[in-house]
Amino acid sequence: MKKVTNHHRRRGGIPAALFIMMAFYCSTLASIVVAGEEFVVGGAKGWRRPDQNHTEMYLHWSSNRRFHVGDSIRFEYKNDSVMEVDKWGYYHCDATNPISAADDGNTTVYLDRSGPFYFTSGNYDHCKDGQRLQVGVLPLHDQYAPPPAMSPFSSPTSHSGGAFLPSPASFSVFVFALISAAAAAAAAAAAAATRIA
C-alpha cells in the first residue's frame, strides 16, 4: 500500500481551492454586471394612454434618464399591452409584427445591448396619442456621457431586441448555483485523485 504524503495532498488541494476561489470571483462579477438599475416607465403614472395635453410624456420621461446595458425597464399597466417594435413600427404605430409582446400588466425588459429600443402600446389609438417609448441605451463603460439624443431623424439601426427574461437576481442565483456545483465536482475529483495517488 502506497503512503500518501502531504506533498500529494497539497498538489491535489491547491487546484481545487484555486477553482473554488475563481468560481466565487466569477459569480460575484456576474451578479455585479447583471444587476443594473430598474426604471419604472412613466414613474408613478406608469404605462398608460397620455392625456391630450401630455402626448410627449414618455419622450420627456426617457430623455431625463440615462440607461446602460444591464439596466431594466418595467412597464406597469392595466387593460393594455407593451410591444417592442423596430424603428419603423415605433414611428408608424405599427405593432403587427412586434419583436416581443406582453399584456400581463407588469412587464420587465432587460436592456441587453447598447443602442435604441422602441416600445408601443398594442392599441393603435393609444400609440398615436403618445403611448410609445424610445430608449437609448449606453454601453457599460460610458457611464458619464450625456443622455443620448432622442431625435426622430436619427439614422436607422439594426435591432436584435431586448430580453424579456427572469430577474437579474434569479440569474445571479442560477450562475452561483451552477459554479458552486462545478466547484464541488472539481473538489470531489481532486479528493479522489489524492486518495488514488
N, C-alpha and C. Protein backbone atom coordinates (compact mmCIF):
# COMPACT_ATOMS: atom_id res chain seq x y z
N MET A 1 0.85 -1.18 0.00
CA MET A 1 0.00 0.00 0.00
C MET A 1 0.89 1.24 0.00
N LYS A 2 0.57 2.18 -0.88
CA LYS A 2 1.36 3.40 -1.03
C LYS A 2 0.96 4.42 0.02
N LYS A 3 1.97 5.01 0.64
CA LYS A 3 1.73 6.01 1.66
C LYS A 3 1.42 7.35 1.00
N VAL A 4 0.38 8.03 1.45
CA VAL A 4 0.01 9.34 0.94
C VAL A 4 0.75 10.39 1.76
N THR A 5 1.51 11.22 1.08
CA THR A 5 2.28 12.25 1.78
C THR A 5 1.58 13.58 1.68
N ASN A 6 2.03 14.52 2.49
CA ASN A 6 1.49 15.88 2.43
C ASN A 6 1.71 16.49 1.07
N HIS A 7 2.83 16.12 0.41
CA HIS A 7 3.11 16.65 -0.92
C HIS A 7 1.98 16.31 -1.89
N HIS A 8 1.50 15.06 -1.84
CA HIS A 8 0.41 14.64 -2.74
C HIS A 8 -0.90 15.35 -2.40
N ARG A 9 -1.17 15.49 -1.12
CA ARG A 9 -2.41 16.15 -0.71
C ARG A 9 -2.40 17.61 -1.14
N ARG A 10 -1.29 18.27 -0.93
CA ARG A 10 -1.19 19.69 -1.26
C ARG A 10 -1.36 19.88 -2.76
N ARG A 11 -0.76 19.01 -3.56
CA ARG A 11 -0.84 19.17 -5.01
C ARG A 11 -2.28 19.04 -5.49
N GLY A 12 -3.07 18.14 -4.94
CA GLY A 12 -4.46 17.99 -5.34
C GLY A 12 -5.35 19.07 -4.75
N GLY A 13 -5.00 19.59 -3.57
CA GLY A 13 -5.83 20.58 -2.89
C GLY A 13 -5.70 21.98 -3.45
N ILE A 14 -4.55 22.35 -3.96
CA ILE A 14 -4.34 23.70 -4.49
C ILE A 14 -5.22 23.96 -5.70
N PRO A 15 -5.25 23.07 -6.71
CA PRO A 15 -6.14 23.37 -7.85
C PRO A 15 -7.61 23.45 -7.44
N ALA A 16 -8.03 22.60 -6.51
CA ALA A 16 -9.43 22.65 -6.08
C ALA A 16 -9.73 23.97 -5.37
N ALA A 17 -8.83 24.40 -4.49
CA ALA A 17 -9.03 25.67 -3.79
C ALA A 17 -9.01 26.84 -4.77
N LEU A 18 -8.08 26.78 -5.72
CA LEU A 18 -8.00 27.83 -6.74
C LEU A 18 -9.28 27.88 -7.57
N PHE A 19 -9.79 26.70 -7.93
CA PHE A 19 -11.02 26.64 -8.72
C PHE A 19 -12.19 27.22 -7.93
N ILE A 20 -12.28 26.88 -6.66
CA ILE A 20 -13.37 27.39 -5.82
C ILE A 20 -13.27 28.91 -5.70
N MET A 21 -12.05 29.42 -5.52
CA MET A 21 -11.86 30.86 -5.41
C MET A 21 -12.25 31.55 -6.73
N MET A 22 -11.87 30.97 -7.86
CA MET A 22 -12.23 31.54 -9.16
C MET A 22 -13.74 31.50 -9.36
N ALA A 23 -14.38 30.41 -8.94
CA ALA A 23 -15.83 30.29 -9.08
C ALA A 23 -16.54 31.38 -8.28
N PHE A 24 -16.07 31.61 -7.06
CA PHE A 24 -16.66 32.67 -6.23
C PHE A 24 -16.48 34.03 -6.90
N TYR A 25 -15.29 34.30 -7.40
CA TYR A 25 -15.00 35.57 -8.08
C TYR A 25 -15.91 35.75 -9.29
N CYS A 26 -16.05 34.71 -10.11
CA CYS A 26 -16.88 34.81 -11.32
C CYS A 26 -18.35 35.03 -10.97
N SER A 27 -18.84 34.34 -9.94
CA SER A 27 -20.25 34.53 -9.57
C SER A 27 -20.48 35.93 -9.02
N THR A 28 -19.53 36.45 -8.27
CA THR A 28 -19.65 37.82 -7.77
C THR A 28 -19.63 38.81 -8.91
N LEU A 29 -18.72 38.62 -9.85
CA LEU A 29 -18.63 39.50 -11.01
C LEU A 29 -19.90 39.44 -11.84
N ALA A 30 -20.45 38.24 -12.03
CA ALA A 30 -21.69 38.09 -12.81
C ALA A 30 -22.83 38.84 -12.14
N SER A 31 -22.92 38.79 -10.82
CA SER A 31 -24.02 39.49 -10.15
C SER A 31 -23.85 41.00 -10.24
N ILE A 32 -22.61 41.49 -10.26
CA ILE A 32 -22.38 42.93 -10.40
C ILE A 32 -22.75 43.39 -11.79
N VAL A 33 -22.33 42.65 -12.82
CA VAL A 33 -22.59 43.04 -14.20
C VAL A 33 -24.07 42.95 -14.52
N VAL A 34 -24.74 41.90 -14.05
CA VAL A 34 -26.13 41.67 -14.40
C VAL A 34 -27.08 42.59 -13.64
N ALA A 35 -26.76 42.92 -12.40
CA ALA A 35 -27.67 43.69 -11.56
C ALA A 35 -27.55 45.17 -11.86
N GLY A 36 -28.27 45.63 -12.87
CA GLY A 36 -28.30 47.05 -13.21
C GLY A 36 -29.44 47.74 -12.49
N GLU A 37 -29.69 48.96 -12.89
CA GLU A 37 -30.76 49.76 -12.29
C GLU A 37 -32.09 49.44 -12.98
N GLU A 38 -33.18 49.44 -12.21
CA GLU A 38 -34.50 49.23 -12.78
C GLU A 38 -35.25 50.56 -12.80
N PHE A 39 -35.85 50.86 -13.95
CA PHE A 39 -36.64 52.08 -14.13
C PHE A 39 -38.09 51.69 -14.37
N VAL A 40 -39.02 52.34 -13.65
CA VAL A 40 -40.45 52.12 -13.90
C VAL A 40 -40.88 53.14 -14.94
N VAL A 41 -41.31 52.66 -16.09
CA VAL A 41 -41.69 53.53 -17.20
C VAL A 41 -42.83 54.45 -16.78
N GLY A 42 -42.62 55.75 -16.96
CA GLY A 42 -43.63 56.74 -16.62
C GLY A 42 -43.68 57.09 -15.15
N GLY A 43 -42.81 56.49 -14.34
CA GLY A 43 -42.81 56.76 -12.90
C GLY A 43 -44.12 56.34 -12.26
N ALA A 44 -44.67 57.17 -11.41
CA ALA A 44 -45.90 56.85 -10.69
C ALA A 44 -47.11 56.72 -11.63
N LYS A 45 -47.05 57.37 -12.79
CA LYS A 45 -48.16 57.30 -13.74
C LYS A 45 -48.19 55.98 -14.49
N GLY A 46 -47.05 55.32 -14.59
CA GLY A 46 -46.99 54.02 -15.25
C GLY A 46 -47.13 54.12 -16.77
N TRP A 47 -47.46 52.99 -17.38
CA TRP A 47 -47.62 52.86 -18.83
C TRP A 47 -49.10 52.97 -19.14
N ARG A 48 -49.50 54.11 -19.68
CA ARG A 48 -50.92 54.36 -19.96
C ARG A 48 -51.04 55.33 -21.13
N ARG A 49 -52.26 55.46 -21.61
CA ARG A 49 -52.53 56.43 -22.67
C ARG A 49 -52.37 57.84 -22.10
N PRO A 50 -51.49 58.66 -22.68
CA PRO A 50 -51.29 60.02 -22.14
C PRO A 50 -52.53 60.89 -22.30
N ASP A 51 -52.65 61.87 -21.42
CA ASP A 51 -53.70 62.87 -21.56
C ASP A 51 -53.47 63.66 -22.84
N GLN A 52 -54.51 64.29 -23.33
CA GLN A 52 -54.45 65.01 -24.61
C GLN A 52 -53.34 66.07 -24.62
N ASN A 53 -53.09 66.74 -23.52
CA ASN A 53 -52.09 67.80 -23.47
C ASN A 53 -50.69 67.30 -23.08
N HIS A 54 -50.53 66.00 -22.92
CA HIS A 54 -49.24 65.44 -22.49
C HIS A 54 -48.81 64.29 -23.41
N THR A 55 -48.98 64.45 -24.70
CA THR A 55 -48.70 63.36 -25.64
C THR A 55 -47.22 63.00 -25.73
N GLU A 56 -46.34 63.85 -25.23
CA GLU A 56 -44.91 63.56 -25.28
C GLU A 56 -44.36 63.18 -23.91
N MET A 57 -45.23 62.70 -23.01
CA MET A 57 -44.79 62.39 -21.65
C MET A 57 -43.70 61.32 -21.61
N TYR A 58 -43.78 60.31 -22.49
CA TYR A 58 -42.76 59.25 -22.47
C TYR A 58 -41.46 59.71 -23.11
N LEU A 59 -41.54 60.60 -24.07
CA LEU A 59 -40.33 61.20 -24.64
C LEU A 59 -39.60 61.99 -23.57
N HIS A 60 -40.33 62.80 -22.81
CA HIS A 60 -39.72 63.57 -21.72
C HIS A 60 -39.18 62.65 -20.62
N TRP A 61 -39.95 61.61 -20.29
CA TRP A 61 -39.52 60.69 -19.24
C TRP A 61 -38.18 60.03 -19.61
N SER A 62 -38.08 59.51 -20.82
CA SER A 62 -36.85 58.80 -21.21
C SER A 62 -35.67 59.74 -21.42
N SER A 63 -35.93 60.95 -21.89
CA SER A 63 -34.82 61.88 -22.15
C SER A 63 -34.19 62.42 -20.86
N ASN A 64 -34.87 62.26 -19.74
CA ASN A 64 -34.32 62.70 -18.45
C ASN A 64 -33.62 61.59 -17.68
N ARG A 65 -33.36 60.47 -18.34
CA ARG A 65 -32.70 59.34 -17.69
C ARG A 65 -31.58 58.80 -18.55
N ARG A 66 -30.62 58.17 -17.89
CA ARG A 66 -29.52 57.51 -18.60
C ARG A 66 -29.66 56.01 -18.41
N PHE A 67 -29.75 55.30 -19.50
CA PHE A 67 -29.91 53.85 -19.47
C PHE A 67 -28.60 53.21 -19.94
N HIS A 68 -28.20 52.13 -19.26
CA HIS A 68 -26.97 51.42 -19.61
C HIS A 68 -27.28 49.94 -19.83
N VAL A 69 -26.42 49.29 -20.56
CA VAL A 69 -26.53 47.84 -20.73
C VAL A 69 -26.56 47.22 -19.33
N GLY A 70 -27.51 46.31 -19.10
CA GLY A 70 -27.66 45.68 -17.79
C GLY A 70 -28.80 46.28 -16.98
N ASP A 71 -29.27 47.47 -17.35
CA ASP A 71 -30.43 48.06 -16.69
C ASP A 71 -31.69 47.37 -17.18
N SER A 72 -32.79 47.65 -16.51
CA SER A 72 -34.08 47.12 -16.96
C SER A 72 -35.13 48.22 -16.85
N ILE A 73 -36.16 48.08 -17.65
CA ILE A 73 -37.30 48.99 -17.57
C ILE A 73 -38.54 48.14 -17.31
N ARG A 74 -39.38 48.64 -16.40
CA ARG A 74 -40.58 47.89 -16.03
C ARG A 74 -41.81 48.70 -16.44
N PHE A 75 -42.69 48.04 -17.16
CA PHE A 75 -43.96 48.64 -17.59
C PHE A 75 -45.04 48.14 -16.64
N GLU A 76 -45.73 49.07 -15.96
CA GLU A 76 -46.87 48.74 -15.10
C GLU A 76 -48.11 49.32 -15.75
N TYR A 77 -49.12 48.48 -16.01
CA TYR A 77 -50.29 48.95 -16.75
C TYR A 77 -51.50 48.08 -16.46
N LYS A 78 -52.68 48.59 -16.83
CA LYS A 78 -53.94 47.86 -16.70
C LYS A 78 -54.64 47.91 -18.05
N ASN A 79 -55.24 46.80 -18.44
CA ASN A 79 -56.02 46.71 -19.68
C ASN A 79 -55.28 47.29 -20.87
N ASP A 80 -54.04 46.91 -21.05
CA ASP A 80 -53.22 47.43 -22.14
C ASP A 80 -52.17 46.39 -22.48
N SER A 81 -51.17 46.79 -23.22
CA SER A 81 -50.08 45.90 -23.59
C SER A 81 -48.84 46.73 -23.89
N VAL A 82 -47.73 46.05 -24.01
CA VAL A 82 -46.49 46.69 -24.43
C VAL A 82 -45.86 45.82 -25.51
N MET A 83 -45.50 46.48 -26.60
CA MET A 83 -44.89 45.80 -27.74
C MET A 83 -43.51 46.38 -27.99
N GLU A 84 -42.52 45.53 -28.09
CA GLU A 84 -41.22 46.02 -28.55
C GLU A 84 -41.25 45.92 -30.06
N VAL A 85 -40.96 47.03 -30.71
CA VAL A 85 -41.04 47.10 -32.17
C VAL A 85 -39.74 47.67 -32.73
N ASP A 86 -39.63 47.65 -34.05
CA ASP A 86 -38.47 48.29 -34.69
C ASP A 86 -38.77 49.78 -34.85
N LYS A 87 -37.80 50.50 -35.38
CA LYS A 87 -37.93 51.95 -35.52
C LYS A 87 -39.15 52.32 -36.38
N TRP A 88 -39.36 51.62 -37.46
CA TRP A 88 -40.49 51.90 -38.35
C TRP A 88 -41.81 51.68 -37.60
N GLY A 89 -41.91 50.59 -36.86
CA GLY A 89 -43.12 50.31 -36.09
C GLY A 89 -43.38 51.38 -35.04
N TYR A 90 -42.31 51.92 -34.48
CA TYR A 90 -42.44 52.98 -33.47
C TYR A 90 -43.03 54.24 -34.09
N TYR A 91 -42.47 54.70 -35.20
CA TYR A 91 -42.92 55.96 -35.80
C TYR A 91 -44.27 55.85 -36.51
N HIS A 92 -44.66 54.64 -36.91
CA HIS A 92 -45.94 54.45 -37.60
C HIS A 92 -46.99 53.77 -36.72
N CYS A 93 -46.65 53.55 -35.45
CA CYS A 93 -47.57 52.87 -34.52
C CYS A 93 -48.05 51.54 -35.10
N ASP A 94 -47.13 50.80 -35.66
CA ASP A 94 -47.45 49.51 -36.27
C ASP A 94 -46.91 48.39 -35.38
N ALA A 95 -47.80 47.75 -34.65
CA ALA A 95 -47.41 46.66 -33.76
C ALA A 95 -47.84 45.31 -34.32
N THR A 96 -48.03 45.23 -35.65
CA THR A 96 -48.48 43.97 -36.24
C THR A 96 -47.39 42.90 -36.26
N ASN A 97 -46.14 43.29 -36.23
CA ASN A 97 -45.04 42.33 -36.25
C ASN A 97 -44.03 42.69 -35.15
N PRO A 98 -44.43 42.58 -33.87
CA PRO A 98 -43.54 43.02 -32.80
C PRO A 98 -42.34 42.09 -32.61
N ILE A 99 -41.27 42.64 -32.07
CA ILE A 99 -40.11 41.84 -31.70
C ILE A 99 -40.48 40.98 -30.50
N SER A 100 -41.21 41.57 -29.55
CA SER A 100 -41.74 40.85 -28.40
C SER A 100 -42.99 41.59 -27.94
N ALA A 101 -43.84 40.89 -27.22
CA ALA A 101 -45.11 41.47 -26.78
C ALA A 101 -45.50 40.91 -25.42
N ALA A 102 -46.20 41.73 -24.64
CA ALA A 102 -46.69 41.29 -23.33
C ALA A 102 -47.96 42.05 -22.99
N ASP A 103 -48.83 41.39 -22.22
CA ASP A 103 -50.06 42.04 -21.77
C ASP A 103 -50.41 41.61 -20.35
N ASP A 104 -49.38 41.31 -19.56
CA ASP A 104 -49.60 40.80 -18.20
C ASP A 104 -49.76 41.88 -17.14
N GLY A 105 -49.59 43.16 -17.51
CA GLY A 105 -49.77 44.25 -16.56
C GLY A 105 -48.53 44.64 -15.79
N ASN A 106 -47.49 43.82 -15.85
CA ASN A 106 -46.24 44.12 -15.15
C ASN A 106 -45.11 43.45 -15.92
N THR A 107 -44.57 44.16 -16.88
CA THR A 107 -43.59 43.60 -17.81
C THR A 107 -42.23 44.25 -17.60
N THR A 108 -41.21 43.42 -17.42
CA THR A 108 -39.85 43.92 -17.28
C THR A 108 -39.05 43.55 -18.52
N VAL A 109 -38.34 44.54 -19.04
CA VAL A 109 -37.48 44.33 -20.22
C VAL A 109 -36.05 44.64 -19.80
N TYR A 110 -35.15 43.69 -20.04
CA TYR A 110 -33.74 43.88 -19.74
C TYR A 110 -33.04 44.45 -20.95
N LEU A 111 -32.31 45.51 -20.74
CA LEU A 111 -31.61 46.21 -21.81
C LEU A 111 -30.25 45.53 -21.97
N ASP A 112 -30.19 44.60 -22.92
CA ASP A 112 -29.05 43.70 -23.04
C ASP A 112 -28.02 44.12 -24.08
N ARG A 113 -28.18 45.29 -24.66
CA ARG A 113 -27.23 45.78 -25.66
C ARG A 113 -27.33 47.29 -25.71
N SER A 114 -26.32 47.93 -26.27
CA SER A 114 -26.39 49.39 -26.43
C SER A 114 -27.16 49.71 -27.70
N GLY A 115 -27.67 50.94 -27.77
CA GLY A 115 -28.43 51.38 -28.94
C GLY A 115 -29.87 51.66 -28.57
N PRO A 116 -30.70 51.94 -29.59
CA PRO A 116 -32.10 52.28 -29.31
C PRO A 116 -33.00 51.06 -29.13
N PHE A 117 -33.98 51.20 -28.27
CA PHE A 117 -35.07 50.25 -28.10
C PHE A 117 -36.36 51.03 -28.32
N TYR A 118 -37.34 50.40 -28.96
CA TYR A 118 -38.61 51.07 -29.27
C TYR A 118 -39.77 50.24 -28.73
N PHE A 119 -40.72 50.92 -28.07
CA PHE A 119 -41.89 50.26 -27.49
C PHE A 119 -43.14 51.06 -27.82
N THR A 120 -44.24 50.35 -28.03
CA THR A 120 -45.54 51.00 -28.24
C THR A 120 -46.60 50.21 -27.48
N SER A 121 -47.74 50.85 -27.32
CA SER A 121 -48.92 50.12 -26.86
C SER A 121 -49.38 49.27 -28.04
N GLY A 122 -49.99 48.15 -27.75
CA GLY A 122 -50.56 47.33 -28.81
C GLY A 122 -51.82 47.95 -29.39
N ASN A 123 -52.36 48.95 -28.73
CA ASN A 123 -53.55 49.65 -29.19
C ASN A 123 -53.11 50.83 -30.07
N TYR A 124 -53.48 50.80 -31.34
CA TYR A 124 -53.06 51.81 -32.31
C TYR A 124 -53.41 53.23 -31.85
N ASP A 125 -54.64 53.44 -31.37
CA ASP A 125 -55.06 54.78 -30.93
C ASP A 125 -54.24 55.27 -29.74
N HIS A 126 -53.92 54.38 -28.81
CA HIS A 126 -53.09 54.77 -27.67
C HIS A 126 -51.70 55.20 -28.14
N CYS A 127 -51.15 54.44 -29.07
CA CYS A 127 -49.82 54.79 -29.61
C CYS A 127 -49.86 56.14 -30.30
N LYS A 128 -50.85 56.36 -31.14
CA LYS A 128 -50.97 57.65 -31.85
C LYS A 128 -51.13 58.82 -30.87
N ASP A 129 -51.72 58.54 -29.71
CA ASP A 129 -51.88 59.58 -28.69
C ASP A 129 -50.63 59.76 -27.82
N GLY A 130 -49.57 59.00 -28.12
CA GLY A 130 -48.30 59.20 -27.42
C GLY A 130 -47.85 58.08 -26.51
N GLN A 131 -48.58 56.97 -26.48
CA GLN A 131 -48.16 55.85 -25.63
C GLN A 131 -47.14 55.01 -26.39
N ARG A 132 -45.95 55.58 -26.50
CA ARG A 132 -44.82 54.90 -27.13
C ARG A 132 -43.55 55.44 -26.50
N LEU A 133 -42.53 54.62 -26.50
CA LEU A 133 -41.31 54.94 -25.78
C LEU A 133 -40.09 54.55 -26.60
N GLN A 134 -39.15 55.48 -26.68
CA GLN A 134 -37.85 55.21 -27.29
C GLN A 134 -36.81 55.34 -26.19
N VAL A 135 -35.96 54.33 -26.03
CA VAL A 135 -34.93 54.33 -25.00
C VAL A 135 -33.58 54.16 -25.67
N GLY A 136 -32.67 55.09 -25.42
CA GLY A 136 -31.29 54.98 -25.91
C GLY A 136 -30.43 54.38 -24.81
N VAL A 137 -29.79 53.24 -25.09
CA VAL A 137 -29.00 52.53 -24.09
C VAL A 137 -27.51 52.72 -24.35
N LEU A 138 -26.80 53.15 -23.31
CA LEU A 138 -25.36 53.39 -23.38
C LEU A 138 -24.61 52.12 -22.98
N PRO A 139 -23.39 51.96 -23.50
CA PRO A 139 -22.57 50.81 -23.07
C PRO A 139 -22.21 50.94 -21.59
N LEU A 140 -21.80 49.85 -20.99
CA LEU A 140 -21.44 49.85 -19.57
C LEU A 140 -20.33 50.83 -19.24
N HIS A 141 -19.31 50.93 -20.06
CA HIS A 141 -18.15 51.75 -19.73
C HIS A 141 -18.37 53.24 -19.93
N ASP A 142 -19.46 53.65 -20.51
CA ASP A 142 -19.70 55.05 -20.83
C ASP A 142 -20.67 55.68 -19.83
N GLN A 143 -20.39 55.53 -18.54
CA GLN A 143 -21.33 55.95 -17.51
C GLN A 143 -21.44 57.46 -17.33
N TYR A 144 -20.49 58.23 -17.84
CA TYR A 144 -20.52 59.67 -17.60
C TYR A 144 -20.85 60.48 -18.84
N ALA A 145 -21.30 59.82 -19.88
CA ALA A 145 -21.68 60.53 -21.11
C ALA A 145 -23.05 61.17 -20.91
N PRO A 146 -23.36 62.22 -21.67
CA PRO A 146 -24.69 62.83 -21.56
C PRO A 146 -25.75 61.88 -22.11
N PRO A 147 -27.01 62.06 -21.74
CA PRO A 147 -28.07 61.19 -22.25
C PRO A 147 -28.10 61.25 -23.78
N PRO A 148 -28.45 60.12 -24.43
CA PRO A 148 -28.48 60.10 -25.88
C PRO A 148 -29.58 60.99 -26.43
N ALA A 149 -29.35 61.54 -27.60
CA ALA A 149 -30.36 62.38 -28.25
C ALA A 149 -31.53 61.52 -28.70
N MET A 150 -32.72 62.03 -28.55
CA MET A 150 -33.93 61.31 -28.96
C MET A 150 -34.53 62.00 -30.17
N SER A 151 -33.81 62.00 -31.25
CA SER A 151 -34.27 62.68 -32.45
C SER A 151 -35.06 61.75 -33.34
N PRO A 152 -36.19 62.19 -33.87
CA PRO A 152 -36.92 61.34 -34.81
C PRO A 152 -36.15 61.16 -36.11
N PHE A 153 -35.07 61.90 -36.31
CA PHE A 153 -34.31 61.82 -37.55
C PHE A 153 -33.01 61.06 -37.40
N SER A 154 -32.87 60.29 -36.32
CA SER A 154 -31.64 59.53 -36.14
C SER A 154 -31.54 58.44 -37.20
N SER A 155 -30.31 58.01 -37.46
CA SER A 155 -30.10 57.03 -38.53
C SER A 155 -30.67 55.68 -38.15
N PRO A 156 -31.10 54.89 -39.14
CA PRO A 156 -31.66 53.57 -38.85
C PRO A 156 -30.58 52.65 -38.30
N THR A 157 -31.00 51.76 -37.41
CA THR A 157 -30.06 50.79 -36.87
C THR A 157 -30.72 49.42 -36.88
N SER A 158 -29.88 48.41 -36.86
CA SER A 158 -30.43 47.06 -36.75
C SER A 158 -30.85 46.85 -35.31
N HIS A 159 -31.76 45.94 -35.07
CA HIS A 159 -32.31 45.76 -33.74
C HIS A 159 -32.45 44.28 -33.46
N SER A 160 -31.78 43.83 -32.42
CA SER A 160 -31.87 42.42 -32.06
C SER A 160 -32.91 42.18 -30.98
N GLY A 161 -33.43 43.24 -30.40
CA GLY A 161 -34.49 43.10 -29.41
C GLY A 161 -33.96 43.03 -28.00
N GLY A 162 -34.78 43.49 -27.09
CA GLY A 162 -34.45 43.39 -25.68
C GLY A 162 -34.85 42.02 -25.19
N ALA A 163 -34.51 41.72 -23.99
CA ALA A 163 -34.77 40.40 -23.47
C ALA A 163 -35.86 40.45 -22.41
N PHE A 164 -36.96 39.75 -22.65
CA PHE A 164 -37.98 39.56 -21.64
C PHE A 164 -37.51 38.33 -20.88
N LEU A 165 -36.75 38.53 -19.79
CA LEU A 165 -36.06 37.46 -19.10
C LEU A 165 -36.37 37.46 -17.61
N PRO A 166 -35.91 36.38 -16.90
CA PRO A 166 -36.03 36.40 -15.45
C PRO A 166 -35.24 37.55 -14.86
N SER A 167 -35.47 37.86 -13.61
CA SER A 167 -34.80 38.99 -12.97
C SER A 167 -33.30 38.77 -12.85
N PRO A 168 -32.52 39.85 -12.74
CA PRO A 168 -31.08 39.71 -12.55
C PRO A 168 -30.73 38.90 -11.31
N ALA A 169 -31.51 39.04 -10.24
CA ALA A 169 -31.23 38.29 -9.03
C ALA A 169 -31.39 36.79 -9.28
N SER A 170 -32.42 36.40 -10.02
CA SER A 170 -32.62 34.99 -10.36
C SER A 170 -31.46 34.47 -11.18
N PHE A 171 -31.01 35.26 -12.12
CA PHE A 171 -29.89 34.86 -12.96
C PHE A 171 -28.63 34.69 -12.12
N SER A 172 -28.38 35.61 -11.20
CA SER A 172 -27.20 35.54 -10.34
C SER A 172 -27.23 34.28 -9.49
N VAL A 173 -28.40 33.95 -8.94
CA VAL A 173 -28.53 32.73 -8.14
C VAL A 173 -28.26 31.51 -9.00
N PHE A 174 -28.78 31.51 -10.22
CA PHE A 174 -28.56 30.39 -11.14
C PHE A 174 -27.07 30.24 -11.44
N VAL A 175 -26.39 31.34 -11.77
CA VAL A 175 -24.96 31.29 -12.08
C VAL A 175 -24.18 30.81 -10.87
N PHE A 176 -24.51 31.32 -9.68
CA PHE A 176 -23.81 30.91 -8.47
C PHE A 176 -24.01 29.42 -8.22
N ALA A 177 -25.24 28.92 -8.38
CA ALA A 177 -25.51 27.50 -8.17
C ALA A 177 -24.75 26.65 -9.17
N LEU A 178 -24.71 27.06 -10.41
CA LEU A 178 -24.00 26.33 -11.45
C LEU A 178 -22.51 26.27 -11.15
N ILE A 179 -21.93 27.40 -10.79
CA ILE A 179 -20.50 27.44 -10.49
C ILE A 179 -20.20 26.67 -9.21
N SER A 180 -21.07 26.76 -8.21
CA SER A 180 -20.86 26.01 -6.97
C SER A 180 -20.89 24.51 -7.22
N ALA A 181 -21.81 24.06 -8.07
CA ALA A 181 -21.88 22.64 -8.40
C ALA A 181 -20.61 22.20 -9.11
N ALA A 182 -20.11 23.02 -10.03
CA ALA A 182 -18.87 22.69 -10.73
C ALA A 182 -17.70 22.66 -9.76
N ALA A 183 -17.66 23.59 -8.82
CA ALA A 183 -16.59 23.63 -7.83
C ALA A 183 -16.63 22.40 -6.93
N ALA A 184 -17.83 21.99 -6.52
CA ALA A 184 -17.96 20.80 -5.69
C ALA A 184 -17.51 19.56 -6.44
N ALA A 185 -17.86 19.47 -7.73
CA ALA A 185 -17.43 18.33 -8.55
C ALA A 185 -15.92 18.32 -8.70
N ALA A 186 -15.32 19.48 -8.90
CA ALA A 186 -13.86 19.57 -9.03
C ALA A 186 -13.18 19.19 -7.72
N ALA A 187 -13.73 19.64 -6.60
CA ALA A 187 -13.15 19.30 -5.30
C ALA A 187 -13.25 17.80 -5.05
N ALA A 188 -14.38 17.19 -5.41
CA ALA A 188 -14.54 15.75 -5.24
C ALA A 188 -13.56 14.99 -6.13
N ALA A 189 -13.37 15.45 -7.35
CA ALA A 189 -12.42 14.80 -8.27
C ALA A 189 -11.00 14.93 -7.74
N ALA A 190 -10.66 16.09 -7.19
CA ALA A 190 -9.32 16.30 -6.63
C ALA A 190 -9.11 15.41 -5.42
N ALA A 191 -10.14 15.26 -4.59
CA ALA A 191 -10.03 14.40 -3.41
C ALA A 191 -9.86 12.95 -3.83
N ALA A 192 -10.61 12.53 -4.85
CA ALA A 192 -10.48 11.16 -5.36
C ALA A 192 -9.10 10.93 -5.94
N ALA A 193 -8.57 11.90 -6.67
CA ALA A 193 -7.23 11.76 -7.25
C ALA A 193 -6.18 11.68 -6.16
N THR A 194 -6.36 12.41 -5.07
CA THR A 194 -5.42 12.39 -3.95
C THR A 194 -5.44 11.02 -3.28
N ARG A 195 -6.64 10.43 -3.12
CA ARG A 195 -6.74 9.10 -2.50
C ARG A 195 -6.09 8.04 -3.36
N ILE A 196 -6.24 8.15 -4.68
CA ILE A 196 -5.66 7.16 -5.59
C ILE A 196 -4.14 7.27 -5.59
N ALA A 197 -3.63 8.50 -5.55
CA ALA A 197 -2.18 8.70 -5.56
C ALA A 197 -1.64 8.23 -4.24
